[in-house]
Amino acid sequence: QVQLVESGGGLVQTGGSLRLSCVARGSIFKLSTMYWYRQTPGKERELVANITYGGTVSYADSVKGRFTISRDNYRNAVSLQMSSLKPEDTAVYYCHFSGLWGQGIQVTVSS
């Protein structure tokens, strides 16, 4: 069974940085656009960033200039480098591609 496995979350102070990673274990559709979403309690899941197979990226306005999405097509992996973190970035982050979702990973930014 194919799974997306996330790593790299945790607790960081305002202004700090974290790097999230997500790797597919198993065979996937390699041409898939890869996404990062986030969700806080009581709110809809929000698209944070996405990257196409060819490397075209798009970001939510709230993270532009602070987050960077990248992918490794050989390893079937996607990463999200998060800098200048703010308390409002606190959420569970999910990777999504090839019709699959990661398990979710908590990011907490303390003020």
Foldseek 3Di string as FASTA:
>chain_A
DKAKAKDWADEEEQQAKIKMKIFIDDDFDLQKKKWKWWDDPPDDIGTAKIAGSVGDIDGDPVQPPFKDKDADSVRRMIMIIGGSDDQVVFTWMWMDIRNHIHPTDTHGYHD
